[in-house]
C-alpha cells in the first residue's frame, strides 16, 4: 500500500508544480506555455495507454464545463485571458488533472 501511495504522489507532482506556479507567473500566456512544457515532459517521462485521450477529453470537456459554470456567475476569475471568463492556463491544468486521476486509478487497481 505504501508503494501505491508513493506512486500516486509522484504522479501528482506535475499538478502540484503547476498549482505552485500560479502565483509566481503572472502572465497567463507564459504560464500556459509552462504548463504545456510540464505536460510534455511528464508524458515523455512516463506515457501510459490512453494518456493523450484523457488529456484531450479533460481539456475539451472542462473548458466547456468551466465556461458555462463561470457564465452563471457562481465563480469569477480575476485573470480572464480565455473567452473573457477564465485564465488561459486553466484548461491545461484540468487536462493534466484528468491524466493524473486516470493514473492514480490505474495504480489503485493494480
PDB file of N, CA and C in Angstrom:
ATOM      1  N   UNK A   1       0.827  -1.204   0.000  1.00  0.00           N
ATOM      2  CA  UNK A   1       0.000   0.000   0.000  1.00  0.00           C
ATOM      3  C   UNK A   1       0.865   1.260   0.000  1.00  0.00           C
ATOM      4  N   UNK A   2       1.984   1.205   0.746  1.00  0.00           N
ATOM      5  CA  UNK A   2       2.877   2.355   0.815  1.00  0.00           C
ATOM      6  C   UNK A   2       3.456   2.678  -0.563  1.00  0.00           C
ATOM      7  N   UNK A   3       3.732   1.634  -1.335  1.00  0.00           N
ATOM      8  CA  UNK A   3       4.265   1.832  -2.686  1.00  0.00           C
ATOM      9  C   UNK A   3       3.232   2.526  -3.577  1.00  0.00           C
ATOM     10  N   UNK A   4       1.978   2.134  -3.432  1.00  0.00           N
ATOM     11  CA  UNK A   4       0.920   2.754  -4.223  1.00  0.00           C
ATOM     12  C   UNK A   4       0.770   4.234  -3.878  1.00  0.00           C
ATOM     13  N   UNK A   5       0.835   4.557  -2.601  1.00  0.00           N
ATOM     14  CA  UNK A   5       0.729   5.955  -2.167  1.00  0.00           C
ATOM     15  C   UNK A   5       1.877   6.772  -2.749  1.00  0.00           C
ATOM     16  N   UNK A   6       3.078   6.201  -2.724  1.00  0.00           N
ATOM     17  CA  UNK A   6       4.246   6.887  -3.282  1.00  0.00           C
ATOM     18  C   UNK A   6       4.086   7.098  -4.785  1.00  0.00           C
ATOM     19  N   UNK A   7       3.594   6.079  -5.496  1.00  0.00           N
ATOM     20  CA  UNK A   7       3.378   6.198  -6.943  1.00  0.00           C
ATOM     21  C   UNK A   7       2.335   7.267  -7.260  1.00  0.00           C
ATOM     22  N   UNK A   8       1.259   7.289  -6.510  1.00  0.00           N
ATOM     23  CA  UNK A   8       0.207   8.292  -6.718  1.00  0.00           C
ATOM     24  C   UNK A   8       0.768   9.687  -6.461  1.00  0.00           C
ATOM     25  N   UNK A   9       1.552   9.832  -5.392  1.00  0.00           N
ATOM     26  CA  UNK A   9       2.158  11.127  -5.098  1.00  0.00           C
ATOM     27  C   UNK A   9       3.074  11.569  -6.240  1.00  0.00           C
ATOM     28  N   UNK A  10       3.902  10.655  -6.759  1.00  0.00           N
ATOM     29  CA  UNK A  10       4.788  11.004  -7.870  1.00  0.00           C
ATOM     30  C   UNK A  10       3.998  11.421  -9.107  1.00  0.00           C
ATOM     31  N   UNK A  11       2.861  10.769  -9.344  1.00  0.00           N
ATOM     32  CA  UNK A  11       2.015  11.151 -10.473  1.00  0.00           C
ATOM     33  C   UNK A  11       1.359  12.506 -10.262  1.00  0.00           C
ATOM     34  N   UNK A  12       1.171  12.886  -9.005  1.00  0.00           N
ATOM     35  CA  UNK A  12       0.550  14.173  -8.697  1.00  0.00           C
ATOM     36  C   UNK A  12       1.551  15.331  -8.721  1.00  0.00           C
ATOM     37  N   UNK A  13       2.839  15.033  -8.725  1.00  0.00           N
ATOM     38  CA  UNK A  13       3.849  16.098  -8.685  1.00  0.00           C
ATOM     39  C   UNK A  13       3.702  17.144  -9.792  1.00  0.00           C
ATOM     40  N   UNK A  14       3.447  16.749 -11.049  1.00  0.00           N
ATOM     41  CA  UNK A  14       3.260  17.787 -12.067  1.00  0.00           C
ATOM     42  C   UNK A  14       2.091  18.728 -11.742  1.00  0.00           C
ATOM     43  N   UNK A  15       1.006  18.186 -11.194  1.00  0.00           N
ATOM     44  CA  UNK A  15      -0.150  19.013 -10.825  1.00  0.00           C
ATOM     45  C   UNK A  15       0.233  19.959  -9.685  1.00  0.00           C
ATOM     46  N   UNK A  16       0.962  19.429  -8.704  1.00  0.00           N
ATOM     47  CA  UNK A  16       1.407  20.264  -7.582  1.00  0.00           C
ATOM     48  C   UNK A  16       2.312  21.378  -8.088  1.00  0.00           C
ATOM     49  N   UNK A  17       3.226  21.045  -8.999  1.00  0.00           N
ATOM     50  CA  UNK A  17       4.102  22.057  -9.594  1.00  0.00           C
ATOM     51  C   UNK A  17       3.289  23.111 -10.332  1.00  0.00           C
ATOM     52  N   UNK A  18       2.326  22.677 -11.122  1.00  0.00           N
ATOM     53  CA  UNK A  18       1.500  23.610 -11.885  1.00  0.00           C
ATOM     54  C   UNK A  18       0.744  24.556 -10.951  1.00  0.00           C
ATOM     55  N   UNK A  19       0.201  24.024  -9.875  1.00  0.00           N
ATOM     56  CA  UNK A  19      -0.512  24.862  -8.911  1.00  0.00           C
ATOM     57  C   UNK A  19       0.436  25.852  -8.237  1.00  0.00           C
ATOM     58  N   UNK A  20       1.637  25.397  -7.920  1.00  0.00           N
ATOM     59  CA  UNK A  20       2.617  26.260  -7.253  1.00  0.00           C
ATOM     60  C   UNK A  20       3.065  27.413  -8.148  1.00  0.00           C
ATOM     61  N   UNK A  21       3.002  27.219  -9.455  1.00  0.00           N
ATOM     62  CA  UNK A  21       3.444  28.256 -10.390  1.00  0.00           C
ATOM     63  C   UNK A  21       2.432  29.388 -10.575  1.00  0.00           C
ATOM     64  N   UNK A  22       1.181  29.154 -10.224  1.00  0.00           N
ATOM     65  CA  UNK A  22       0.131  30.156 -10.463  1.00  0.00           C
ATOM     66  C   UNK A  22       0.471  31.515  -9.852  1.00  0.00           C
ATOM     67  N   UNK A  23       0.824  31.600  -8.571  1.00  0.00           N
ATOM     68  CA  UNK A  23       1.127  32.932  -8.029  1.00  0.00           C
ATOM     69  C   UNK A  23       2.490  33.472  -8.473  1.00  0.00           C
ATOM     70  N   UNK A  24       3.345  32.607  -8.985  1.00  0.00           N
ATOM     71  CA  UNK A  24       4.692  33.032  -9.372  1.00  0.00           C
ATOM     72  C   UNK A  24       4.766  33.598 -10.782  1.00  0.00           C
ATOM     73  N   UNK A  25       3.960  33.055 -11.689  1.00  0.00           N
ATOM     74  CA  UNK A  25       3.974  33.507 -13.091  1.00  0.00           C
ATOM     75  C   UNK A  25       2.680  34.258 -13.359  1.00  0.00           C
ATOM     76  N   UNK A  26       2.780  35.556 -13.445  1.00  0.00           N
ATOM     77  CA  UNK A  26       1.589  36.413 -13.580  1.00  0.00           C
ATOM     78  C   UNK A  26       1.037  36.472 -15.004  1.00  0.00           C
ATOM     79  N   UNK A  27       1.883  36.204 -15.997  1.00  0.00           N
ATOM     80  CA  UNK A  27       1.447  36.263 -17.388  1.00  0.00           C
ATOM     81  C   UNK A  27       0.800  34.936 -17.770  1.00  0.00           C
ATOM     82  N   UNK A  28      -0.474  34.985 -18.133  1.00  0.00           N
ATOM     83  CA  UNK A  28      -1.227  33.761 -18.444  1.00  0.00           C
ATOM     84  C   UNK A  28      -0.663  33.002 -19.640  1.00  0.00           C
ATOM     85  N   UNK A  29      -0.116  33.722 -20.613  1.00  0.00           N
ATOM     86  CA  UNK A  29       0.430  33.075 -21.798  1.00  0.00           C
ATOM     87  C   UNK A  29       1.718  32.324 -21.462  1.00  0.00           C
ATOM     88  N   UNK A  30       2.549  32.916 -20.637  1.00  0.00           N
ATOM     89  CA  UNK A  30       3.772  32.244 -20.198  1.00  0.00           C
ATOM     90  C   UNK A  30       3.426  31.057 -19.310  1.00  0.00           C
ATOM     91  N   UNK A  31       2.444  31.238 -18.430  1.00  0.00           N
ATOM     92  CA  UNK A  31       2.040  30.145 -17.547  1.00  0.00           C
ATOM     93  C   UNK A  31       1.458  28.983 -18.355  1.00  0.00           C
ATOM     94  N   UNK A  32       0.616  29.275 -19.329  1.00  0.00           N
ATOM     95  CA  UNK A  32       0.049  28.214 -20.177  1.00  0.00           C
ATOM     96  C   UNK A  32       1.166  27.498 -20.937  1.00  0.00           C
ATOM     97  N   UNK A  33       2.123  28.252 -21.442  1.00  0.00           N
ATOM     98  CA  UNK A  33       3.266  27.646 -22.146  1.00  0.00           C
ATOM     99  C   UNK A  33       4.076  26.760 -21.210  1.00  0.00           C
ATOM    100  N   UNK A  34       4.260  27.215 -19.992  1.00  0.00           N
ATOM    101  CA  UNK A  34       4.974  26.426 -18.988  1.00  0.00           C
ATOM    102  C   UNK A  34       4.212  25.145 -18.695  1.00  0.00           C
ATOM    103  N   UNK A  35       2.897  25.241 -18.585  1.00  0.00           N
ATOM    104  CA  UNK A  35       2.070  24.046 -18.358  1.00  0.00           C
ATOM    105  C   UNK A  35       2.223  23.049 -19.505  1.00  0.00           C
ATOM    106  N   UNK A  36       2.237  23.549 -20.716  1.00  0.00           N
ATOM    107  CA  UNK A  36       2.398  22.667 -21.881  1.00  0.00           C
ATOM    108  C   UNK A  36       3.731  21.934 -21.789  1.00  0.00           C
ATOM    109  N   UNK A  37       4.779  22.643 -21.386  1.00  0.00           N
ATOM    110  CA  UNK A  37       6.097  22.017 -21.236  1.00  0.00           C
ATOM    111  C   UNK A  37       6.068  20.965 -20.125  1.00  0.00           C
ATOM    112  N   UNK A  38       5.461  21.301 -18.993  1.00  0.00           N
ATOM    113  CA  UNK A  38       5.353  20.341 -17.877  1.00  0.00           C
ATOM    114  C   UNK A  38       4.599  19.093 -18.329  1.00  0.00           C
ATOM    115  N   UNK A  39       3.511  19.287 -19.050  1.00  0.00           N
ATOM    116  CA  UNK A  39       2.713  18.155 -19.542  1.00  0.00           C
ATOM    117  C   UNK A  39       3.528  17.307 -20.510  1.00  0.00           C
ATOM    118  N   UNK A  40       4.207  17.952 -21.447  1.00  0.00           N
ATOM    119  CA  UNK A  40       5.009  17.209 -22.427  1.00  0.00           C
ATOM    120  C   UNK A  40       6.113  16.406 -21.746  1.00  0.00           C
ATOM    121  N   UNK A  41       6.810  17.025 -20.804  1.00  0.00           N
ATOM    122  CA  UNK A  41       7.878  16.323 -20.082  1.00  0.00           C
ATOM    123  C   UNK A  41       7.297  15.166 -19.273  1.00  0.00           C
ATOM    124  N   UNK A  42       6.170  15.407 -18.611  1.00  0.00           N
ATOM    125  CA  UNK A  42       5.533  14.354 -17.808  1.00  0.00           C
ATOM    126  C   UNK A  42       5.118  13.173 -18.671  1.00  0.00           C
ATOM    127  N   UNK A  43       4.578  13.451 -19.840  1.00  0.00           N
ATOM    128  CA  UNK A  43       4.166  12.370 -20.739  1.00  0.00           C
ATOM    129  C   UNK A  43       5.372  11.681 -21.375  1.00  0.00           C
ATOM    130  N   UNK A  44       6.461  12.416 -21.557  1.00  0.00           N
ATOM    131  CA  UNK A  44       7.674  11.831 -22.107  1.00  0.00           C
ATOM    132  C   UNK A  44       8.326  10.897 -21.085  1.00  0.00           C
ATOM    133  N   UNK A  45       8.344  11.326 -19.821  1.00  0.00           N
ATOM    134  CA  UNK A  45       8.950  10.514 -18.759  1.00  0.00           C
ATOM    135  C   UNK A  45       8.157   9.229 -18.551  1.00  0.00           C
ATOM    136  N   UNK A  46       6.853   9.361 -18.536  1.00  0.00           N
ATOM    137  CA  UNK A  46       6.006   8.185 -18.310  1.00  0.00           C
ATOM    138  C   UNK A  46       4.741   8.320 -19.143  1.00  0.00           C
ATOM    139  N   UNK A  47       4.634   7.494 -20.154  1.00  0.00           N
ATOM    140  CA  UNK A  47       3.446   7.511 -21.003  1.00  0.00           C
ATOM    141  C   UNK A  47       2.691   6.213 -20.809  1.00  0.00           C
ATOM    142  N   UNK A  48       1.438   6.344 -20.481  1.00  0.00           N
ATOM    143  CA  UNK A  48       0.570   5.182 -20.333  1.00  0.00           C
ATOM    144  C   UNK A  48      -0.458   5.196 -21.453  1.00  0.00           C
ATOM    145  N   UNK A  49      -1.042   4.044 -21.663  1.00  0.00           N
ATOM    146  CA  UNK A  49      -2.082   3.923 -22.686  1.00  0.00           C
ATOM    147  C   UNK A  49      -3.233   4.884 -22.358  1.00  0.00           C
ATOM    148  N   UNK A  50      -3.741   5.524 -23.352  1.00  0.00           N
ATOM    149  CA  UNK A  50      -4.879   6.451 -23.280  1.00  0.00           C
ATOM    150  C   UNK A  50      -4.578   7.771 -22.562  1.00  0.00           C
ATOM    151  N   UNK A  51      -3.320   8.059 -22.241  1.00  0.00           N
ATOM    152  CA  UNK A  51      -2.992   9.351 -21.623  1.00  0.00           C
ATOM    153  C   UNK A  51      -3.440  10.509 -22.508  1.00  0.00           C
ATOM    154  N   UNK A  52      -3.123  10.415 -23.789  1.00  0.00           N
ATOM    155  CA  UNK A  52      -3.474  11.505 -24.707  1.00  0.00           C
ATOM    156  C   UNK A  52      -4.988  11.662 -24.830  1.00  0.00           C
ATOM    157  N   UNK A  53      -5.718  10.555 -24.824  1.00  0.00           N
ATOM    158  CA  UNK A  53      -7.179  10.601 -24.891  1.00  0.00           C
ATOM    159  C   UNK A  53      -7.745  11.326 -23.672  1.00  0.00           C
ATOM    160  N   UNK A  54      -7.250  10.978 -22.486  1.00  0.00           N
ATOM    161  CA  UNK A  54      -7.709  11.629 -21.262  1.00  0.00           C
ATOM    162  C   UNK A  54      -7.314  13.104 -21.243  1.00  0.00           C
ATOM    163  N   UNK A  55      -6.124  13.409 -21.743  1.00  0.00           N
ATOM    164  CA  UNK A  55      -5.655  14.794 -21.790  1.00  0.00           C
ATOM    165  C   UNK A  55      -6.578  15.643 -22.667  1.00  0.00           C
ATOM    166  N   UNK A  56      -6.866  15.159 -23.855  1.00  0.00           N
ATOM    167  CA  UNK A  56      -7.732  15.896 -24.784  1.00  0.00           C
ATOM    168  C   UNK A  56      -9.154  15.980 -24.238  1.00  0.00           C
ATOM    169  N   UNK A  57      -9.665  14.870 -23.728  1.00  0.00           N
ATOM    170  CA  UNK A  57     -11.012  14.853 -23.170  1.00  0.00           C
ATOM    171  C   UNK A  57     -11.126  15.852 -22.014  1.00  0.00           C
ATOM    172  N   UNK A  58     -10.155  15.813 -21.100  1.00  0.00           N
ATOM    173  CA  UNK A  58     -10.160  16.742 -19.968  1.00  0.00           C
ATOM    174  C   UNK A  58     -10.095  18.182 -20.421  1.00  0.00           C
ATOM    175  N   UNK A  59      -9.279  18.456 -21.419  1.00  0.00           N
ATOM    176  CA  UNK A  59      -9.140  19.820 -21.941  1.00  0.00           C
ATOM    177  C   UNK A  59     -10.466  20.319 -22.519  1.00  0.00           C
ATOM    178  N   UNK A  60     -11.050  19.531 -23.386  1.00  0.00           N
ATOM    179  CA  UNK A  60     -12.283  19.957 -24.074  1.00  0.00           C
ATOM    180  C   UNK A  60     -13.462  20.035 -23.107  1.00  0.00           C
ATOM    181  N   UNK A  61     -13.708  18.958 -22.387  1.00  0.00           N
ATOM    182  CA  UNK A  61     -14.882  18.892 -21.507  1.00  0.00           C
ATOM    183  C   UNK A  61     -14.807  19.930 -20.399  1.00  0.00           C
ATOM    184  N   UNK A  62     -13.654  20.067 -19.793  1.00  0.00           N
ATOM    185  CA  UNK A  62     -13.548  21.014 -18.680  1.00  0.00           C
ATOM    186  C   UNK A  62     -13.552  22.461 -19.154  1.00  0.00           C
ATOM    187  N   UNK A  63     -13.044  22.726 -20.346  1.00  0.00           N
ATOM    188  CA  UNK A  63     -13.135  24.088 -20.883  1.00  0.00           C
ATOM    189  C   UNK A  63     -14.593  24.467 -21.094  1.00  0.00           C
ATOM    190  N   UNK A  64     -15.348  23.572 -21.712  1.00  0.00           N
ATOM    191  CA  UNK A  64     -16.771  23.833 -21.951  1.00  0.00           C
ATOM    192  C   UNK A  64     -17.523  23.931 -20.622  1.00  0.00           C
ATOM    193  N   UNK A  65     -17.287  22.985 -19.733  1.00  0.00           N
ATOM    194  CA  UNK A  65     -17.976  22.984 -18.435  1.00  0.00           C
ATOM    195  C   UNK A  65     -17.648  24.223 -17.624  1.00  0.00           C
ATOM    196  N   UNK A  66     -16.371  24.560 -17.565  1.00  0.00           N
ATOM    197  CA  UNK A  66     -15.940  25.734 -16.797  1.00  0.00           C
ATOM    198  C   UNK A  66     -16.538  27.008 -17.388  1.00  0.00           C
ATOM    199  N   UNK A  67     -16.580  27.079 -18.712  1.00  0.00           N
ATOM    200  CA  UNK A  67     -17.154  28.251 -19.373  1.00  0.00           C
ATOM    201  C   UNK A  67     -18.609  28.459 -18.945  1.00  0.00           C
ATOM    202  N   UNK A  68     -19.402  27.403 -19.027  1.00  0.00           N
ATOM    203  CA  UNK A  68     -20.812  27.541 -18.643  1.00  0.00           C
ATOM    204  C   UNK A  68     -20.974  27.773 -17.139  1.00  0.00           C
ATOM    205  N   UNK A  69     -20.133  27.142 -16.343  1.00  0.00           N
ATOM    206  CA  UNK A  69     -20.170  27.356 -14.902  1.00  0.00           C
ATOM    207  C   UNK A  69     -19.860  28.820 -14.572  1.00  0.00           C
ATOM    208  N   UNK A  70     -18.851  29.371 -15.225  1.00  0.00           N
ATOM    209  CA  UNK A  70     -18.474  30.766 -14.973  1.00  0.00           C
ATOM    210  C   UNK A  70     -19.540  31.738 -15.488  1.00  0.00           C
ATOM    211  N   UNK A  71     -20.202  31.387 -16.560  1.00  0.00           N
ATOM    212  CA  UNK A  71     -21.253  32.263 -17.112  1.00  0.00           C
ATOM    213  C   UNK A  71     -22.456  32.367 -16.171  1.00  0.00           C
ATOM    214  N   UNK A  72     -22.609  31.408 -15.260  1.00  0.00           N
ATOM    215  CA  UNK A  72     -23.708  31.500 -14.291  1.00  0.00           C
ATOM    216  C   UNK A  72     -23.425  32.544 -13.223  1.00  0.00           C
ATOM    217  N   UNK A  73     -22.155  32.957 -13.111  1.00  0.00           N
ATOM    218  CA  UNK A  73     -21.790  33.966 -12.131  1.00  0.00           C
ATOM    219  C   UNK A  73     -21.471  33.405 -10.754  1.00  0.00           C
ATOM    220  N   UNK A  74     -21.489  32.091 -10.610  1.00  0.00           N
ATOM    221  CA  UNK A  74     -21.203  31.457  -9.320  1.00  0.00           C
ATOM    222  C   UNK A  74     -19.746  31.657  -8.942  1.00  0.00           C
ATOM    223  N   UNK A  75     -18.894  31.664  -9.933  1.00  0.00           N
ATOM    224  CA  UNK A  75     -17.463  31.809  -9.719  1.00  0.00           C
ATOM    225  C   UNK A  75     -16.944  32.850 -10.703  1.00  0.00           C
ATOM    226  N   UNK A  76     -15.839  33.522 -10.327  1.00  0.00           N
ATOM    227  CA  UNK A  76     -15.268  34.519 -11.223  1.00  0.00           C
ATOM    228  C   UNK A  76     -13.758  34.546 -11.032  1.00  0.00           C
ATOM    229  N   UNK A  77     -13.031  34.652 -12.131  1.00  0.00           N
ATOM    230  CA  UNK A  77     -11.578  34.756 -12.094  1.00  0.00           C
ATOM    231  C   UNK A  77     -11.161  36.196 -12.339  1.00  0.00           C
ATOM    232  N   UNK A  78     -10.093  36.600 -11.699  1.00  0.00           N
ATOM    233  CA  UNK A  78      -9.515  37.916 -11.971  1.00  0.00           C
ATOM    234  C   UNK A  78      -8.710  37.895 -13.260  1.00  0.00           C
ATOM    235  N   UNK A  79      -8.157  36.748 -13.574  1.00  0.00           N
ATOM    236  CA  UNK A  79      -7.360  36.571 -14.796  1.00  0.00           C
ATOM    237  C   UNK A  79      -8.267  35.918 -15.840  1.00  0.00           C
ATOM    238  N   UNK A  80      -8.669  36.675 -16.845  1.00  0.00           N
ATOM    239  CA  UNK A  80      -9.661  36.185 -17.811  1.00  0.00           C
ATOM    240  C   UNK A  80      -9.134  36.270 -19.251  1.00  0.00           C
ATOM    241  N   UNK A  81      -8.061  35.587 -19.512  1.00  0.00           N
ATOM    242  CA  UNK A  81      -7.414  35.650 -20.823  1.00  0.00           C
ATOM    243  C   UNK A  81      -7.998  34.672 -21.847  1.00  0.00           C
ATOM    244  N   UNK A  82      -8.922  33.805 -21.436  1.00  0.00           N
ATOM    245  CA  UNK A  82      -9.545  32.858 -22.368  1.00  0.00           C
ATOM    246  C   UNK A  82     -11.056  33.048 -22.346  1.00  0.00           C
ATOM    247  N   UNK A  83     -11.606  33.361 -23.491  1.00  0.00           N
ATOM    248  CA  UNK A  83     -13.051  33.540 -23.669  1.00  0.00           C
ATOM    249  C   UNK A  83     -13.626  34.633 -22.768  1.00  0.00           C
ATOM    250  N   UNK A  84     -12.761  35.461 -22.212  1.00  0.00           N
ATOM    251  CA  UNK A  84     -13.199  36.562 -21.371  1.00  0.00           C
ATOM    252  C   UNK A  84     -13.749  36.150 -20.021  1.00  0.00           C
ATOM    253  N   UNK A  85     -13.577  34.866 -19.644  1.00  0.00           N
ATOM    254  CA  UNK A  85     -14.127  34.409 -18.365  1.00  0.00           C
ATOM    255  C   UNK A  85     -13.157  33.610 -17.506  1.00  0.00           C
ATOM    256  N   UNK A  86     -12.086  33.083 -18.112  1.00  0.00           N
ATOM    257  CA  UNK A  86     -11.180  32.219 -17.340  1.00  0.00           C
ATOM    258  C   UNK A  86      -9.745  32.425 -17.804  1.00  0.00           C
ATOM    259  N   UNK A  87      -8.806  32.009 -16.976  1.00  0.00           N
ATOM    260  CA  UNK A  87      -7.407  32.110 -17.381  1.00  0.00           C
ATOM    261  C   UNK A  87      -7.060  31.074 -18.458  1.00  0.00           C
ATOM    262  N   UNK A  88      -6.198  31.451 -19.352  1.00  0.00           N
ATOM    263  CA  UNK A  88      -5.786  30.587 -20.456  1.00  0.00           C
ATOM    264  C   UNK A  88      -5.185  29.269 -19.976  1.00  0.00           C
ATOM    265  N   UNK A  89      -4.500  29.299 -18.861  1.00  0.00           N
ATOM    266  CA  UNK A  89      -3.807  28.111 -18.351  1.00  0.00           C
ATOM    267  C   UNK A  89      -4.744  27.083 -17.706  1.00  0.00           C
ATOM    268  N   UNK A  90      -5.944  27.482 -17.327  1.00  0.00           N
ATOM    269  CA  UNK A  90      -6.841  26.600 -16.578  1.00  0.00           C
ATOM    270  C   UNK A  90      -7.184  25.298 -17.314  1.00  0.00           C
ATOM    271  N   UNK A  91      -7.540  25.340 -18.602  1.00  0.00           N
ATOM    272  CA  UNK A  91      -7.845  24.071 -19.284  1.00  0.00           C
ATOM    273  C   UNK A  91      -6.661  23.098 -19.312  1.00  0.00           C
ATOM    274  N   UNK A  92      -5.440  23.621 -19.360  1.00  0.00           N
ATOM    275  CA  UNK A  92      -4.264  22.751 -19.350  1.00  0.00           C
ATOM    276  C   UNK A  92      -4.105  22.077 -17.989  1.00  0.00           C
ATOM    277  N   UNK A  93      -4.383  22.825 -16.929  1.00  0.00           N
ATOM    278  CA  UNK A  93      -4.334  22.258 -15.587  1.00  0.00           C
ATOM    279  C   UNK A  93      -5.393  21.159 -15.431  1.00  0.00           C
ATOM    280  N   UNK A  94      -6.604  21.448 -15.874  1.00  0.00           N
ATOM    281  CA  UNK A  94      -7.672  20.454 -15.822  1.00  0.00           C
ATOM    282  C   UNK A  94      -7.308  19.227 -16.654  1.00  0.00           C
ATOM    283  N   UNK A  95      -6.781  19.468 -17.841  1.00  0.00           N
ATOM    284  CA  UNK A  95      -6.453  18.355 -18.749  1.00  0.00           C
ATOM    285  C   UNK A  95      -5.460  17.399 -18.110  1.00  0.00           C
ATOM    286  N   UNK A  96      -4.383  17.945 -17.547  1.00  0.00           N
ATOM    287  CA  UNK A  96      -3.411  17.050 -16.923  1.00  0.00           C
ATOM    288  C   UNK A  96      -3.971  16.442 -15.640  1.00  0.00           C
ATOM    289  N   UNK A  97      -4.868  17.150 -14.989  1.00  0.00           N
ATOM    290  CA  UNK A  97      -5.537  16.587 -13.814  1.00  0.00           C
ATOM    291  C   UNK A  97      -6.273  15.309 -14.169  1.00  0.00           C
ATOM    292  N   UNK A  98      -6.899  15.274 -15.333  1.00  0.00           N
ATOM    293  CA  UNK A  98      -7.584  14.060 -15.792  1.00  0.00           C
ATOM    294  C   UNK A  98      -6.593  12.914 -15.953  1.00  0.00           C
ATOM    295  N   UNK A  99      -5.429  13.213 -16.520  1.00  0.00           N
ATOM    296  CA  UNK A  99      -4.400  12.186 -16.698  1.00  0.00           C
ATOM    297  C   UNK A  99      -3.936  11.676 -15.335  1.00  0.00           C
ATOM    298  N   UNK A 100      -3.696  12.575 -14.405  1.00  0.00           N
ATOM    299  CA  UNK A 100      -3.231  12.193 -13.065  1.00  0.00           C
ATOM    300  C   UNK A 100      -4.268  11.329 -12.348  1.00  0.00           C
ATOM    301  N   UNK A 101      -5.535  11.667 -12.501  1.00  0.00           N
ATOM    302  CA  UNK A 101      -6.603  10.877 -11.880  1.00  0.00           C
ATOM    303  C   UNK A 101      -6.677   9.484 -12.514  1.00  0.00           C
ATOM    304  N   UNK A 102      -6.558   9.427 -13.834  1.00  0.00           N
ATOM    305  CA  UNK A 102      -6.581   8.126 -14.519  1.00  0.00           C
ATOM    306  C   UNK A 102      -5.422   7.261 -14.040  1.00  0.00           C
ATOM    307  N   UNK A 103      -4.245   7.871 -13.931  1.00  0.00           N
ATOM    308  CA  UNK A 103      -3.069   7.111 -13.492  1.00  0.00           C
ATOM    309  C   UNK A 103      -3.224   6.644 -12.041  1.00  0.00           C
ATOM    310  N   UNK A 104      -3.760   7.500 -11.196  1.00  0.00           N
ATOM    311  CA  UNK A 104      -3.981   7.108  -9.794  1.00  0.00           C
ATOM    312  C   UNK A 104      -4.962   5.943  -9.731  1.00  0.00           C
ATOM    313  N   UNK A 105      -5.994   5.997 -10.535  1.00  0.00           N
ATOM    314  CA  UNK A 105      -6.974   4.907 -10.587  1.00  0.00           C
ATOM    315  C   UNK A 105      -6.309   3.602 -11.043  1.00  0.00           C
ATOM    316  N   UNK A 106      -5.440   3.698 -12.054  1.00  0.00           N
ATOM    317  CA  UNK A 106      -4.726   2.505 -12.528  1.00  0.00           C
ATOM    318  C   UNK A 106      -3.822   1.937 -11.429  1.00  0.00           C
ATOM    319  N   UNK A 107      -3.162   2.801 -10.684  1.00  0.00           N
ATOM    320  CA  UNK A 107      -2.293   2.349  -9.597  1.00  0.00           C
ATOM    321  C   UNK A 107      -3.107   1.628  -8.529  1.00  0.00           C
ATOM    322  N   UNK A 108      -4.237   2.206  -8.168  1.00  0.00           N
ATOM    323  CA  UNK A 108      -5.083   1.598  -7.148  1.00  0.00           C
ATOM    324  C   UNK A 108      -5.679   0.268  -7.585  1.00  0.00           C
ATOM    325  N   UNK A 109      -5.886   0.117  -8.885  1.00  0.00           N
ATOM    326  CA  UNK A 109      -6.484  -1.118  -9.417  1.00  0.00           C
ATOM    327  C   UNK A 109      -5.469  -2.219  -9.712  1.00  0.00           C
ATOM    328  N   UNK A 110      -4.181  -1.939  -9.487  1.00  0.00           N
ATOM    329  CA  UNK A 110      -3.148  -2.975  -9.738  1.00  0.00           C
ATOM    330  C   UNK A 110      -3.289  -4.104  -8.740  1.00  0.00           C
TER     331      UNK A 110
END
